[in-house]
């Protein structure tokens, strides 16, 4: 028996879709409400969920531990309201759950709207065992308790599901706008690091947040400190190296390349290590090592064909190599996935122009200009129009 466990508050806009995604897979739906004032409870009950109520303890870890007390299943699946289970993953999950020695199944989570590194591995499906508890004051996880459990009960094993299982739609800028989520995360990470200086997990998370804010001078020593305490082949080490590579790229691109290479030596799913692979390839292209850059990017595109950036980068590299047919094919794959990418339309237009297809080039240039205008980049649109007018007659037309 599989129990879905959720912690919610005021999630009427997203909860229904999440619950629908597990229908037919989870046998028990348990939604723990922490004080909703909207239709969250009614939506949960209409979907067949049992609603329990608790007072918000101020942190997800104790809340999730309390929620576990309401479950009856042998297995537990944990989702947030801004997540959905992909039906394509269900057969693989059922097969893994049927194996008697599997304790935890790591799930690939896809971040909707993320370009460079959309995948992460999360421990969200596991047997209900009294020793498994949630910890950490942010990004709560069961990993600490599982490591301790395996020391006393080594007969268990952790399995990885290679089929992406969860879609997450909570970190897009337009969804975070006006919220204090980043500030709350930073404060929790800083508090954790005061208690455990150099902790790899906290260092990786705070380092990534600092880089996103442009504070690389603060991120670099923090990430380096985390690496000193990190296991040689862990997900935390990969994340630390990836973020350190990003932070070092402007000032020391050669060292950034070394960080990405070390990150790729860690045995992780290719989708999880996509960020290091694509960043390494981009740096190698800048250094003139085009063949290795193309090889790395082709692997990324083949293993994660749903990631538009891999195809776009491959198009840039193939055009630089002079293979216009391969470049156009890659741009086409990228645009099928991300049709509103103005830069990709522009580069596709250049490749079409070099190949002699004037009509296709004109159409792509017009589309790029139109997108730049609608995306609030009027100066860039005017600049591109001025450059193109001397080469291709645009006729002042817009392409929808």
Foldseek 3Di string as FASTA:
>chain_A
DEEEFEEDAQLVPQQLQALVQCPPPHPAYEYEYQDHPDCVVVSCVVSVHDYHYDHDPLAVQVVRQVRLVPDDDQKYAYDYSQKHWDPVQRVVVVVQVPDVQEFWEWAWEAEPPDFQARTDTAGGMGGDDPQFGWDARPPIHRVVSVVVVCVVVVSHDYHYRLPHTMYGYQPDPVNCPPHCVLVVLLVSLVVVCVVPPLALVSLLVNLVSCVVVVNLVVNQVSLVSVCVPDDQADPSLLSSLLSNLSSCCVPPNVVSLVSLVSSVVRDDRCSNSRNSLQVNLVSCVVVVVLVVSLVSLVVSCVSCVLRLNSLLVNLVSCVVVVNLVSNLVSLVSSCVNVVLDLVSLQSNLVSCVVVPNQVSSLQSLLSSLVSCVVVPNPVVSVVSCVVCVVPHPNVPDHDD
